[in-house]
């Protein structure tokens, strides 16, 4: 939490990020 705001980026290393966001 130090030196950050409420924005979090995830890299789904074993998945396709685009597919993951679409399915979410």
PDBML (XML) file of the C-alpha atoms, coordinates in Angstrom:
<?xml version="1.0" encoding="UTF-8" ?>
<PDBx:datablock datablockName="MODEL"
   xmlns:PDBx="http://pdbml.pdb.org/schema/pdbx-v50.xsd"
   xmlns:xsi="http://www.w3.org/2001/XMLSchema-instance"
   xsi:schemaLocation="http://pdbml.pdb.org/schema/pdbx-v50.xsd pdbx-v50.xsd">
   <PDBx:atom_siteCategory>
      <PDBx:atom_site id="1">
         <PDBx:B_iso_or_equiv>0.00</PDBx:B_iso_or_equiv>
         <PDBx:Cartn_x>0.000</PDBx:Cartn_x>
         <PDBx:Cartn_y>0.000</PDBx:Cartn_y>
         <PDBx:Cartn_z>0.000</PDBx:Cartn_z>
         <PDBx:auth_asym_id>A</PDBx:auth_asym_id>
         <PDBx:auth_atom_id>CA</PDBx:auth_atom_id>
         <PDBx:auth_comp_id>UNK</PDBx:auth_comp_id>
         <PDBx:auth_seq_id>1</PDBx:auth_seq_id>
         <PDBx:group_PDB>ATOM</PDBx:group_PDB>
         <PDBx:label_alt_id xsi:nil="true" />
         <PDBx:label_asym_id>A</PDBx:label_asym_id>
         <PDBx:label_atom_id>CA</PDBx:label_atom_id>
         <PDBx:label_comp_id>UNK</PDBx:label_comp_id>
         <PDBx:label_entity_id>1</PDBx:label_entity_id>
         <PDBx:label_seq_id>1</PDBx:label_seq_id>
         <PDBx:occupancy>1.00</PDBx:occupancy>
         <PDBx:pdbx_PDB_model_num>1</PDBx:pdbx_PDB_model_num>
         <PDBx:type_symbol>C</PDBx:type_symbol>
      </PDBx:atom_site>
      <PDBx:atom_site id="2">
         <PDBx:B_iso_or_equiv>0.00</PDBx:B_iso_or_equiv>
         <PDBx:Cartn_x>2.933</PDBx:Cartn_x>
         <PDBx:Cartn_y>2.377</PDBx:Cartn_y>
         <PDBx:Cartn_z>0.406</PDBx:Cartn_z>
         <PDBx:auth_asym_id>A</PDBx:auth_asym_id>
         <PDBx:auth_atom_id>CA</PDBx:auth_atom_id>
         <PDBx:auth_comp_id>UNK</PDBx:auth_comp_id>
         <PDBx:auth_seq_id>2</PDBx:auth_seq_id>
         <PDBx:group_PDB>ATOM</PDBx:group_PDB>
         <PDBx:label_alt_id xsi:nil="true" />
         <PDBx:label_asym_id>A</PDBx:label_asym_id>
         <PDBx:label_atom_id>CA</PDBx:label_atom_id>
         <PDBx:label_comp_id>UNK</PDBx:label_comp_id>
         <PDBx:label_entity_id>1</PDBx:label_entity_id>
         <PDBx:label_seq_id>2</PDBx:label_seq_id>
         <PDBx:occupancy>1.00</PDBx:occupancy>
         <PDBx:pdbx_PDB_model_num>1</PDBx:pdbx_PDB_model_num>
         <PDBx:type_symbol>C</PDBx:type_symbol>
      </PDBx:atom_site>
      <PDBx:atom_site id="3">
         <PDBx:B_iso_or_equiv>0.00</PDBx:B_iso_or_equiv>
         <PDBx:Cartn_x>3.132</PDBx:Cartn_x>
         <PDBx:Cartn_y>5.185</PDBx:Cartn_y>
         <PDBx:Cartn_z>-2.162</PDBx:Cartn_z>
         <PDBx:auth_asym_id>A</PDBx:auth_asym_id>
         <PDBx:auth_atom_id>CA</PDBx:auth_atom_id>
         <PDBx:auth_comp_id>UNK</PDBx:auth_comp_id>
         <PDBx:auth_seq_id>3</PDBx:auth_seq_id>
         <PDBx:group_PDB>ATOM</PDBx:group_PDB>
         <PDBx:label_alt_id xsi:nil="true" />
         <PDBx:label_asym_id>A</PDBx:label_asym_id>
         <PDBx:label_atom_id>CA</PDBx:label_atom_id>
         <PDBx:label_comp_id>UNK</PDBx:label_comp_id>
         <PDBx:label_entity_id>1</PDBx:label_entity_id>
         <PDBx:label_seq_id>3</PDBx:label_seq_id>
         <PDBx:occupancy>1.00</PDBx:occupancy>
         <PDBx:pdbx_PDB_model_num>1</PDBx:pdbx_PDB_model_num>
         <PDBx:type_symbol>C</PDBx:type_symbol>
      </PDBx:atom_site>
      <PDBx:atom_site id="4">
         <PDBx:B_iso_or_equiv>0.00</PDBx:B_iso_or_equiv>
         <PDBx:Cartn_x>0.143</PDBx:Cartn_x>
         <PDBx:Cartn_y>4.132</PDBx:Cartn_y>
         <PDBx:Cartn_z>-4.226</PDBx:Cartn_z>
         <PDBx:auth_asym_id>A</PDBx:auth_asym_id>
         <PDBx:auth_atom_id>CA</PDBx:auth_atom_id>
         <PDBx:auth_comp_id>UNK</PDBx:auth_comp_id>
         <PDBx:auth_seq_id>4</PDBx:auth_seq_id>
         <PDBx:group_PDB>ATOM</PDBx:group_PDB>
         <PDBx:label_alt_id xsi:nil="true" />
         <PDBx:label_asym_id>A</PDBx:label_asym_id>
         <PDBx:label_atom_id>CA</PDBx:label_atom_id>
         <PDBx:label_comp_id>UNK</PDBx:label_comp_id>
         <PDBx:label_entity_id>1</PDBx:label_entity_id>
         <PDBx:label_seq_id>4</PDBx:label_seq_id>
         <PDBx:occupancy>1.00</PDBx:occupancy>
         <PDBx:pdbx_PDB_model_num>1</PDBx:pdbx_PDB_model_num>
         <PDBx:type_symbol>C</PDBx:type_symbol>
      </PDBx:atom_site>
      <PDBx:atom_site id="5">
         <PDBx:B_iso_or_equiv>0.00</PDBx:B_iso_or_equiv>
         <PDBx:Cartn_x>-3.464</PDBx:Cartn_x>
         <PDBx:Cartn_y>4.967</PDBx:Cartn_y>
         <PDBx:Cartn_z>-4.999</PDBx:Cartn_z>
         <PDBx:auth_asym_id>A</PDBx:auth_asym_id>
         <PDBx:auth_atom_id>CA</PDBx:auth_atom_id>
         <PDBx:auth_comp_id>UNK</PDBx:auth_comp_id>
         <PDBx:auth_seq_id>5</PDBx:auth_seq_id>
         <PDBx:group_PDB>ATOM</PDBx:group_PDB>
         <PDBx:label_alt_id xsi:nil="true" />
         <PDBx:label_asym_id>A</PDBx:label_asym_id>
         <PDBx:label_atom_id>CA</PDBx:label_atom_id>
         <PDBx:label_comp_id>UNK</PDBx:label_comp_id>
         <PDBx:label_entity_id>1</PDBx:label_entity_id>
         <PDBx:label_seq_id>5</PDBx:label_seq_id>
         <PDBx:occupancy>1.00</PDBx:occupancy>
         <PDBx:pdbx_PDB_model_num>1</PDBx:pdbx_PDB_model_num>
         <PDBx:type_symbol>C</PDBx:type_symbol>
      </PDBx:atom_site>
      <PDBx:atom_site id="6">
         <PDBx:B_iso_or_equiv>0.00</PDBx:B_iso_or_equiv>
         <PDBx:Cartn_x>-6.371</PDBx:Cartn_x>
         <PDBx:Cartn_y>2.541</PDBx:Cartn_y>
         <PDBx:Cartn_z>-5.485</PDBx:Cartn_z>
         <PDBx:auth_asym_id>A</PDBx:auth_asym_id>
         <PDBx:auth_atom_id>CA</PDBx:auth_atom_id>
         <PDBx:auth_comp_id>UNK</PDBx:auth_comp_id>
         <PDBx:auth_seq_id>6</PDBx:auth_seq_id>
         <PDBx:group_PDB>ATOM</PDBx:group_PDB>
         <PDBx:label_alt_id xsi:nil="true" />
         <PDBx:label_asym_id>A</PDBx:label_asym_id>
         <PDBx:label_atom_id>CA</PDBx:label_atom_id>
         <PDBx:label_comp_id>UNK</PDBx:label_comp_id>
         <PDBx:label_entity_id>1</PDBx:label_entity_id>
         <PDBx:label_seq_id>6</PDBx:label_seq_id>
         <PDBx:occupancy>1.00</PDBx:occupancy>
         <PDBx:pdbx_PDB_model_num>1</PDBx:pdbx_PDB_model_num>
         <PDBx:type_symbol>C</PDBx:type_symbol>
      </PDBx:atom_site>
      <PDBx:atom_site id="7">
         <PDBx:B_iso_or_equiv>0.00</PDBx:B_iso_or_equiv>
         <PDBx:Cartn_x>-5.310</PDBx:Cartn_x>
         <PDBx:Cartn_y>1.362</PDBx:Cartn_y>
         <PDBx:Cartn_z>-8.952</PDBx:Cartn_z>
         <PDBx:auth_asym_id>A</PDBx:auth_asym_id>
         <PDBx:auth_atom_id>CA</PDBx:auth_atom_id>
         <PDBx:auth_comp_id>UNK</PDBx:auth_comp_id>
         <PDBx:auth_seq_id>7</PDBx:auth_seq_id>
         <PDBx:group_PDB>ATOM</PDBx:group_PDB>
         <PDBx:label_alt_id xsi:nil="true" />
         <PDBx:label_asym_id>A</PDBx:label_asym_id>
         <PDBx:label_atom_id>CA</PDBx:label_atom_id>
         <PDBx:label_comp_id>UNK</PDBx:label_comp_id>
         <PDBx:label_entity_id>1</PDBx:label_entity_id>
         <PDBx:label_seq_id>7</PDBx:label_seq_id>
         <PDBx:occupancy>1.00</PDBx:occupancy>
         <PDBx:pdbx_PDB_model_num>1</PDBx:pdbx_PDB_model_num>
         <PDBx:type_symbol>C</PDBx:type_symbol>
      </PDBx:atom_site>
      <PDBx:atom_site id="8">
         <PDBx:B_iso_or_equiv>0.00</PDBx:B_iso_or_equiv>
         <PDBx:Cartn_x>-4.035</PDBx:Cartn_x>
         <PDBx:Cartn_y>-2.211</PDBx:Cartn_y>
         <PDBx:Cartn_z>-9.337</PDBx:Cartn_z>
         <PDBx:auth_asym_id>A</PDBx:auth_asym_id>
         <PDBx:auth_atom_id>CA</PDBx:auth_atom_id>
         <PDBx:auth_comp_id>UNK</PDBx:auth_comp_id>
         <PDBx:auth_seq_id>8</PDBx:auth_seq_id>
         <PDBx:group_PDB>ATOM</PDBx:group_PDB>
         <PDBx:label_alt_id xsi:nil="true" />
         <PDBx:label_asym_id>A</PDBx:label_asym_id>
         <PDBx:label_atom_id>CA</PDBx:label_atom_id>
         <PDBx:label_comp_id>UNK</PDBx:label_comp_id>
         <PDBx:label_entity_id>1</PDBx:label_entity_id>
         <PDBx:label_seq_id>8</PDBx:label_seq_id>
         <PDBx:occupancy>1.00</PDBx:occupancy>
         <PDBx:pdbx_PDB_model_num>1</PDBx:pdbx_PDB_model_num>
         <PDBx:type_symbol>C</PDBx:type_symbol>
      </PDBx:atom_site>
      <PDBx:atom_site id="9">
         <PDBx:B_iso_or_equiv>0.00</PDBx:B_iso_or_equiv>
         <PDBx:Cartn_x>-2.838</PDBx:Cartn_x>
         <PDBx:Cartn_y>-3.864</PDBx:Cartn_y>
         <PDBx:Cartn_z>-12.551</PDBx:Cartn_z>
         <PDBx:auth_asym_id>A</PDBx:auth_asym_id>
         <PDBx:auth_atom_id>CA</PDBx:auth_atom_id>
         <PDBx:auth_comp_id>UNK</PDBx:auth_comp_id>
         <PDBx:auth_seq_id>9</PDBx:auth_seq_id>
         <PDBx:group_PDB>ATOM</PDBx:group_PDB>
         <PDBx:label_alt_id xsi:nil="true" />
         <PDBx:label_asym_id>A</PDBx:label_asym_id>
         <PDBx:label_atom_id>CA</PDBx:label_atom_id>
         <PDBx:label_comp_id>UNK</PDBx:label_comp_id>
         <PDBx:label_entity_id>1</PDBx:label_entity_id>
         <PDBx:label_seq_id>9</PDBx:label_seq_id>
         <PDBx:occupancy>1.00</PDBx:occupancy>
         <PDBx:pdbx_PDB_model_num>1</PDBx:pdbx_PDB_model_num>
         <PDBx:type_symbol>C</PDBx:type_symbol>
      </PDBx:atom_site>
      <PDBx:atom_site id="10">
         <PDBx:B_iso_or_equiv>0.00</PDBx:B_iso_or_equiv>
         <PDBx:Cartn_x>-2.644</PDBx:Cartn_x>
         <PDBx:Cartn_y>-7.639</PDBx:Cartn_y>
         <PDBx:Cartn_z>-12.898</PDBx:Cartn_z>
         <PDBx:auth_asym_id>A</PDBx:auth_asym_id>
         <PDBx:auth_atom_id>CA</PDBx:auth_atom_id>
         <PDBx:auth_comp_id>UNK</PDBx:auth_comp_id>
         <PDBx:auth_seq_id>10</PDBx:auth_seq_id>
         <PDBx:group_PDB>ATOM</PDBx:group_PDB>
         <PDBx:label_alt_id xsi:nil="true" />
         <PDBx:label_asym_id>A</PDBx:label_asym_id>
         <PDBx:label_atom_id>CA</PDBx:label_atom_id>
         <PDBx:label_comp_id>UNK</PDBx:label_comp_id>
         <PDBx:label_entity_id>1</PDBx:label_entity_id>
         <PDBx:label_seq_id>10</PDBx:label_seq_id>
         <PDBx:occupancy>1.00</PDBx:occupancy>
         <PDBx:pdbx_PDB_model_num>1</PDBx:pdbx_PDB_model_num>
         <PDBx:type_symbol>C</PDBx:type_symbol>
      </PDBx:atom_site>
      <PDBx:atom_site id="11">
         <PDBx:B_iso_or_equiv>0.00</PDBx:B_iso_or_equiv>
         <PDBx:Cartn_x>-0.743</PDBx:Cartn_x>
         <PDBx:Cartn_y>-9.715</PDBx:Cartn_y>
         <PDBx:Cartn_z>-15.421</PDBx:Cartn_z>
         <PDBx:auth_asym_id>A</PDBx:auth_asym_id>
         <PDBx:auth_atom_id>CA</PDBx:auth_atom_id>
         <PDBx:auth_comp_id>UNK</PDBx:auth_comp_id>
         <PDBx:auth_seq_id>11</PDBx:auth_seq_id>
         <PDBx:group_PDB>ATOM</PDBx:group_PDB>
         <PDBx:label_alt_id xsi:nil="true" />
         <PDBx:label_asym_id>A</PDBx:label_asym_id>
         <PDBx:label_atom_id>CA</PDBx:label_atom_id>
         <PDBx:label_comp_id>UNK</PDBx:label_comp_id>
         <PDBx:label_entity_id>1</PDBx:label_entity_id>
         <PDBx:label_seq_id>11</PDBx:label_seq_id>
         <PDBx:occupancy>1.00</PDBx:occupancy>
         <PDBx:pdbx_PDB_model_num>1</PDBx:pdbx_PDB_model_num>
         <PDBx:type_symbol>C</PDBx:type_symbol>
      </PDBx:atom_site>
      <PDBx:atom_site id="12">
         <PDBx:B_iso_or_equiv>0.00</PDBx:B_iso_or_equiv>
         <PDBx:Cartn_x>-2.300</PDBx:Cartn_x>
         <PDBx:Cartn_y>-13.174</PDBx:Cartn_y>
         <PDBx:Cartn_z>-15.734</PDBx:Cartn_z>
         <PDBx:auth_asym_id>A</PDBx:auth_asym_id>
         <PDBx:auth_atom_id>CA</PDBx:auth_atom_id>
         <PDBx:auth_comp_id>UNK</PDBx:auth_comp_id>
         <PDBx:auth_seq_id>12</PDBx:auth_seq_id>
         <PDBx:group_PDB>ATOM</PDBx:group_PDB>
         <PDBx:label_alt_id xsi:nil="true" />
         <PDBx:label_asym_id>A</PDBx:label_asym_id>
         <PDBx:label_atom_id>CA</PDBx:label_atom_id>
         <PDBx:label_comp_id>UNK</PDBx:label_comp_id>
         <PDBx:label_entity_id>1</PDBx:label_entity_id>
         <PDBx:label_seq_id>12</PDBx:label_seq_id>
         <PDBx:occupancy>1.00</PDBx:occupancy>
         <PDBx:pdbx_PDB_model_num>1</PDBx:pdbx_PDB_model_num>
         <PDBx:type_symbol>C</PDBx:type_symbol>
      </PDBx:atom_site>
      <PDBx:atom_site id="13">
         <PDBx:B_iso_or_equiv>0.00</PDBx:B_iso_or_equiv>
         <PDBx:Cartn_x>0.927</PDBx:Cartn_x>
         <PDBx:Cartn_y>-14.926</PDBx:Cartn_y>
         <PDBx:Cartn_z>-16.667</PDBx:Cartn_z>
         <PDBx:auth_asym_id>A</PDBx:auth_asym_id>
         <PDBx:auth_atom_id>CA</PDBx:auth_atom_id>
         <PDBx:auth_comp_id>UNK</PDBx:auth_comp_id>
         <PDBx:auth_seq_id>13</PDBx:auth_seq_id>
         <PDBx:group_PDB>ATOM</PDBx:group_PDB>
         <PDBx:label_alt_id xsi:nil="true" />
         <PDBx:label_asym_id>A</PDBx:label_asym_id>
         <PDBx:label_atom_id>CA</PDBx:label_atom_id>
         <PDBx:label_comp_id>UNK</PDBx:label_comp_id>
         <PDBx:label_entity_id>1</PDBx:label_entity_id>
         <PDBx:label_seq_id>13</PDBx:label_seq_id>
         <PDBx:occupancy>1.00</PDBx:occupancy>
         <PDBx:pdbx_PDB_model_num>1</PDBx:pdbx_PDB_model_num>
         <PDBx:type_symbol>C</PDBx:type_symbol>
      </PDBx:atom_site>
      <PDBx:atom_site id="14">
         <PDBx:B_iso_or_equiv>0.00</PDBx:B_iso_or_equiv>
         <PDBx:Cartn_x>-0.698</PDBx:Cartn_x>
         <PDBx:Cartn_y>-18.248</PDBx:Cartn_y>
         <PDBx:Cartn_z>-17.627</PDBx:Cartn_z>
         <PDBx:auth_asym_id>A</PDBx:auth_asym_id>
         <PDBx:auth_atom_id>CA</PDBx:auth_atom_id>
         <PDBx:auth_comp_id>UNK</PDBx:auth_comp_id>
         <PDBx:auth_seq_id>14</PDBx:auth_seq_id>
         <PDBx:group_PDB>ATOM</PDBx:group_PDB>
         <PDBx:label_alt_id xsi:nil="true" />
         <PDBx:label_asym_id>A</PDBx:label_asym_id>
         <PDBx:label_atom_id>CA</PDBx:label_atom_id>
         <PDBx:label_comp_id>UNK</PDBx:label_comp_id>
         <PDBx:label_entity_id>1</PDBx:label_entity_id>
         <PDBx:label_seq_id>14</PDBx:label_seq_id>
         <PDBx:occupancy>1.00</PDBx:occupancy>
         <PDBx:pdbx_PDB_model_num>1</PDBx:pdbx_PDB_model_num>
         <PDBx:type_symbol>C</PDBx:type_symbol>
      </PDBx:atom_site>
      <PDBx:atom_site id="15">
         <PDBx:B_iso_or_equiv>0.00</PDBx:B_iso_or_equiv>
         <PDBx:Cartn_x>-3.783</PDBx:Cartn_x>
         <PDBx:Cartn_y>-16.718</PDBx:Cartn_y>
         <PDBx:Cartn_z>-19.229</PDBx:Cartn_z>
         <PDBx:auth_asym_id>A</PDBx:auth_asym_id>
         <PDBx:auth_atom_id>CA</PDBx:auth_atom_id>
         <PDBx:auth_comp_id>UNK</PDBx:auth_comp_id>
         <PDBx:auth_seq_id>15</PDBx:auth_seq_id>
         <PDBx:group_PDB>ATOM</PDBx:group_PDB>
         <PDBx:label_alt_id xsi:nil="true" />
         <PDBx:label_asym_id>A</PDBx:label_asym_id>
         <PDBx:label_atom_id>CA</PDBx:label_atom_id>
         <PDBx:label_comp_id>UNK</PDBx:label_comp_id>
         <PDBx:label_entity_id>1</PDBx:label_entity_id>
         <PDBx:label_seq_id>15</PDBx:label_seq_id>
         <PDBx:occupancy>1.00</PDBx:occupancy>
         <PDBx:pdbx_PDB_model_num>1</PDBx:pdbx_PDB_model_num>
         <PDBx:type_symbol>C</PDBx:type_symbol>
      </PDBx:atom_site>
      <PDBx:atom_site id="16">
         <PDBx:B_iso_or_equiv>0.00</PDBx:B_iso_or_equiv>
         <PDBx:Cartn_x>-4.531</PDBx:Cartn_x>
         <PDBx:Cartn_y>-14.238</PDBx:Cartn_y>
         <PDBx:Cartn_z>-21.992</PDBx:Cartn_z>
         <PDBx:auth_asym_id>A</PDBx:auth_asym_id>
         <PDBx:auth_atom_id>CA</PDBx:auth_atom_id>
         <PDBx:auth_comp_id>UNK</PDBx:auth_comp_id>
         <PDBx:auth_seq_id>16</PDBx:auth_seq_id>
         <PDBx:group_PDB>ATOM</PDBx:group_PDB>
         <PDBx:label_alt_id xsi:nil="true" />
         <PDBx:label_asym_id>A</PDBx:label_asym_id>
         <PDBx:label_atom_id>CA</PDBx:label_atom_id>
         <PDBx:label_comp_id>UNK</PDBx:label_comp_id>
         <PDBx:label_entity_id>1</PDBx:label_entity_id>
         <PDBx:label_seq_id>16</PDBx:label_seq_id>
         <PDBx:occupancy>1.00</PDBx:occupancy>
         <PDBx:pdbx_PDB_model_num>1</PDBx:pdbx_PDB_model_num>
         <PDBx:type_symbol>C</PDBx:type_symbol>
      </PDBx:atom_site>
      <PDBx:atom_site id="17">
         <PDBx:B_iso_or_equiv>0.00</PDBx:B_iso_or_equiv>
         <PDBx:Cartn_x>-5.215</PDBx:Cartn_x>
         <PDBx:Cartn_y>-10.921</PDBx:Cartn_y>
         <PDBx:Cartn_z>-20.264</PDBx:Cartn_z>
         <PDBx:auth_asym_id>A</PDBx:auth_asym_id>
         <PDBx:auth_atom_id>CA</PDBx:auth_atom_id>
         <PDBx:auth_comp_id>UNK</PDBx:auth_comp_id>
         <PDBx:auth_seq_id>17</PDBx:auth_seq_id>
         <PDBx:group_PDB>ATOM</PDBx:group_PDB>
         <PDBx:label_alt_id xsi:nil="true" />
         <PDBx:label_asym_id>A</PDBx:label_asym_id>
         <PDBx:label_atom_id>CA</PDBx:label_atom_id>
         <PDBx:label_comp_id>UNK</PDBx:label_comp_id>
         <PDBx:label_entity_id>1</PDBx:label_entity_id>
         <PDBx:label_seq_id>17</PDBx:label_seq_id>
         <PDBx:occupancy>1.00</PDBx:occupancy>
         <PDBx:pdbx_PDB_model_num>1</PDBx:pdbx_PDB_model_num>
         <PDBx:type_symbol>C</PDBx:type_symbol>
      </PDBx:atom_site>
      <PDBx:atom_site id="18">
         <PDBx:B_iso_or_equiv>0.00</PDBx:B_iso_or_equiv>
         <PDBx:Cartn_x>-7.742</PDBx:Cartn_x>
         <PDBx:Cartn_y>-9.909</PDBx:Cartn_y>
         <PDBx:Cartn_z>-22.908</PDBx:Cartn_z>
         <PDBx:auth_asym_id>A</PDBx:auth_asym_id>
         <PDBx:auth_atom_id>CA</PDBx:auth_atom_id>
         <PDBx:auth_comp_id>UNK</PDBx:auth_comp_id>
         <PDBx:auth_seq_id>18</PDBx:auth_seq_id>
         <PDBx:group_PDB>ATOM</PDBx:group_PDB>
         <PDBx:label_alt_id xsi:nil="true" />
         <PDBx:label_asym_id>A</PDBx:label_asym_id>
         <PDBx:label_atom_id>CA</PDBx:label_atom_id>
         <PDBx:label_comp_id>UNK</PDBx:label_comp_id>
         <PDBx:label_entity_id>1</PDBx:label_entity_id>
         <PDBx:label_seq_id>18</PDBx:label_seq_id>
         <PDBx:occupancy>1.00</PDBx:occupancy>
         <PDBx:pdbx_PDB_model_num>1</PDBx:pdbx_PDB_model_num>
         <PDBx:type_symbol>C</PDBx:type_symbol>
      </PDBx:atom_site>
      <PDBx:atom_site id="19">
         <PDBx:B_iso_or_equiv>0.00</PDBx:B_iso_or_equiv>
         <PDBx:Cartn_x>-9.693</PDBx:Cartn_x>
         <PDBx:Cartn_y>-13.144</PDBx:Cartn_y>
         <PDBx:Cartn_z>-22.570</PDBx:Cartn_z>
         <PDBx:auth_asym_id>A</PDBx:auth_asym_id>
         <PDBx:auth_atom_id>CA</PDBx:auth_atom_id>
         <PDBx:auth_comp_id>UNK</PDBx:auth_comp_id>
         <PDBx:auth_seq_id>19</PDBx:auth_seq_id>
         <PDBx:group_PDB>ATOM</PDBx:group_PDB>
         <PDBx:label_alt_id xsi:nil="true" />
         <PDBx:label_asym_id>A</PDBx:label_asym_id>
         <PDBx:label_atom_id>CA</PDBx:label_atom_id>
         <PDBx:label_comp_id>UNK</PDBx:label_comp_id>
         <PDBx:label_entity_id>1</PDBx:label_entity_id>
         <PDBx:label_seq_id>19</PDBx:label_seq_id>
         <PDBx:occupancy>1.00</PDBx:occupancy>
         <PDBx:pdbx_PDB_model_num>1</PDBx:pdbx_PDB_model_num>
         <PDBx:type_symbol>C</PDBx:type_symbol>
      </PDBx:atom_site>
      <PDBx:atom_site id="20">
         <PDBx:B_iso_or_equiv>0.00</PDBx:B_iso_or_equiv>
         <PDBx:Cartn_x>-9.606</PDBx:Cartn_x>
         <PDBx:Cartn_y>-12.923</PDBx:Cartn_y>
         <PDBx:Cartn_z>-18.783</PDBx:Cartn_z>
         <PDBx:auth_asym_id>A</PDBx:auth_asym_id>
         <PDBx:auth_atom_id>CA</PDBx:auth_atom_id>
         <PDBx:auth_comp_id>UNK</PDBx:auth_comp_id>
         <PDBx:auth_seq_id>20</PDBx:auth_seq_id>
         <PDBx:group_PDB>ATOM</PDBx:group_PDB>
         <PDBx:label_alt_id xsi:nil="true" />
         <PDBx:label_asym_id>A</PDBx:label_asym_id>
         <PDBx:label_atom_id>CA</PDBx:label_atom_id>
         <PDBx:label_comp_id>UNK</PDBx:label_comp_id>
         <PDBx:label_entity_id>1</PDBx:label_entity_id>
         <PDBx:label_seq_id>20</PDBx:label_seq_id>
         <PDBx:occupancy>1.00</PDBx:occupancy>
         <PDBx:pdbx_PDB_model_num>1</PDBx:pdbx_PDB_model_num>
         <PDBx:type_symbol>C</PDBx:type_symbol>
      </PDBx:atom_site>
      <PDBx:atom_site id="21">
         <PDBx:B_iso_or_equiv>0.00</PDBx:B_iso_or_equiv>
         <PDBx:Cartn_x>-11.006</PDBx:Cartn_x>
         <PDBx:Cartn_y>-9.368</PDBx:Cartn_y>
         <PDBx:Cartn_z>-18.735</PDBx:Cartn_z>
         <PDBx:auth_asym_id>A</PDBx:auth_asym_id>
         <PDBx:auth_atom_id>CA</PDBx:auth_atom_id>
         <PDBx:auth_comp_id>UNK</PDBx:auth_comp_id>
         <PDBx:auth_seq_id>21</PDBx:auth_seq_id>
         <PDBx:group_PDB>ATOM</PDBx:group_PDB>
         <PDBx:label_alt_id xsi:nil="true" />
         <PDBx:label_asym_id>A</PDBx:label_asym_id>
         <PDBx:label_atom_id>CA</PDBx:label_atom_id>
         <PDBx:label_comp_id>UNK</PDBx:label_comp_id>
         <PDBx:label_entity_id>1</PDBx:label_entity_id>
         <PDBx:label_seq_id>21</PDBx:label_seq_id>
         <PDBx:occupancy>1.00</PDBx:occupancy>
         <PDBx:pdbx_PDB_model_num>1</PDBx:pdbx_PDB_model_num>
         <PDBx:type_symbol>C</PDBx:type_symbol>
      </PDBx:atom_site>
      <PDBx:atom_site id="22">
         <PDBx:B_iso_or_equiv>0.00</PDBx:B_iso_or_equiv>
         <PDBx:Cartn_x>-13.629</PDBx:Cartn_x>
         <PDBx:Cartn_y>-10.296</PDBx:Cartn_y>
         <PDBx:Cartn_z>-21.316</PDBx:Cartn_z>
         <PDBx:auth_asym_id>A</PDBx:auth_asym_id>
         <PDBx:auth_atom_id>CA</PDBx:auth_atom_id>
         <PDBx:auth_comp_id>UNK</PDBx:auth_comp_id>
         <PDBx:auth_seq_id>22</PDBx:auth_seq_id>
         <PDBx:group_PDB>ATOM</PDBx:group_PDB>
         <PDBx:label_alt_id xsi:nil="true" />
         <PDBx:label_asym_id>A</PDBx:label_asym_id>
         <PDBx:label_atom_id>CA</PDBx:label_atom_id>
         <PDBx:label_comp_id>UNK</PDBx:label_comp_id>
         <PDBx:label_entity_id>1</PDBx:label_entity_id>
         <PDBx:label_seq_id>22</PDBx:label_seq_id>
         <PDBx:occupancy>1.00</PDBx:occupancy>
         <PDBx:pdbx_PDB_model_num>1</PDBx:pdbx_PDB_model_num>
         <PDBx:type_symbol>C</PDBx:type_symbol>
      </PDBx:atom_site>
      <PDBx:atom_site id="23">
         <PDBx:B_iso_or_equiv>0.00</PDBx:B_iso_or_equiv>
         <PDBx:Cartn_x>-14.788</PDBx:Cartn_x>
         <PDBx:Cartn_y>-13.333</PDBx:Cartn_y>
         <PDBx:Cartn_z>-19.339</PDBx:Cartn_z>
         <PDBx:auth_asym_id>A</PDBx:auth_asym_id>
         <PDBx:auth_atom_id>CA</PDBx:auth_atom_id>
         <PDBx:auth_comp_id>UNK</PDBx:auth_comp_id>
         <PDBx:auth_seq_id>23</PDBx:auth_seq_id>
         <PDBx:group_PDB>ATOM</PDBx:group_PDB>
         <PDBx:label_alt_id xsi:nil="true" />
         <PDBx:label_asym_id>A</PDBx:label_asym_id>
         <PDBx:label_atom_id>CA</PDBx:label_atom_id>
         <PDBx:label_comp_id>UNK</PDBx:label_comp_id>
         <PDBx:label_entity_id>1</PDBx:label_entity_id>
         <PDBx:label_seq_id>23</PDBx:label_seq_id>
         <PDBx:occupancy>1.00</PDBx:occupancy>
         <PDBx:pdbx_PDB_model_num>1</PDBx:pdbx_PDB_model_num>
         <PDBx:type_symbol>C</PDBx:type_symbol>
      </PDBx:atom_site>
      <PDBx:atom_site id="24">
         <PDBx:B_iso_or_equiv>0.00</PDBx:B_iso_or_equiv>
         <PDBx:Cartn_x>-14.812</PDBx:Cartn_x>
         <PDBx:Cartn_y>-11.416</PDBx:Cartn_y>
         <PDBx:Cartn_z>-16.049</PDBx:Cartn_z>
         <PDBx:auth_asym_id>A</PDBx:auth_asym_id>
         <PDBx:auth_atom_id>CA</PDBx:auth_atom_id>
         <PDBx:auth_comp_id>UNK</PDBx:auth_comp_id>
         <PDBx:auth_seq_id>24</PDBx:auth_seq_id>
         <PDBx:group_PDB>ATOM</PDBx:group_PDB>
         <PDBx:label_alt_id xsi:nil="true" />
         <PDBx:label_asym_id>A</PDBx:label_asym_id>
         <PDBx:label_atom_id>CA</PDBx:label_atom_id>
         <PDBx:label_comp_id>UNK</PDBx:label_comp_id>
         <PDBx:label_entity_id>1</PDBx:label_entity_id>
         <PDBx:label_seq_id>24</PDBx:label_seq_id>
         <PDBx:occupancy>1.00</PDBx:occupancy>
         <PDBx:pdbx_PDB_model_num>1</PDBx:pdbx_PDB_model_num>
         <PDBx:type_symbol>C</PDBx:type_symbol>
      </PDBx:atom_site>
   </PDBx:atom_siteCategory>
</PDBx:datablock>
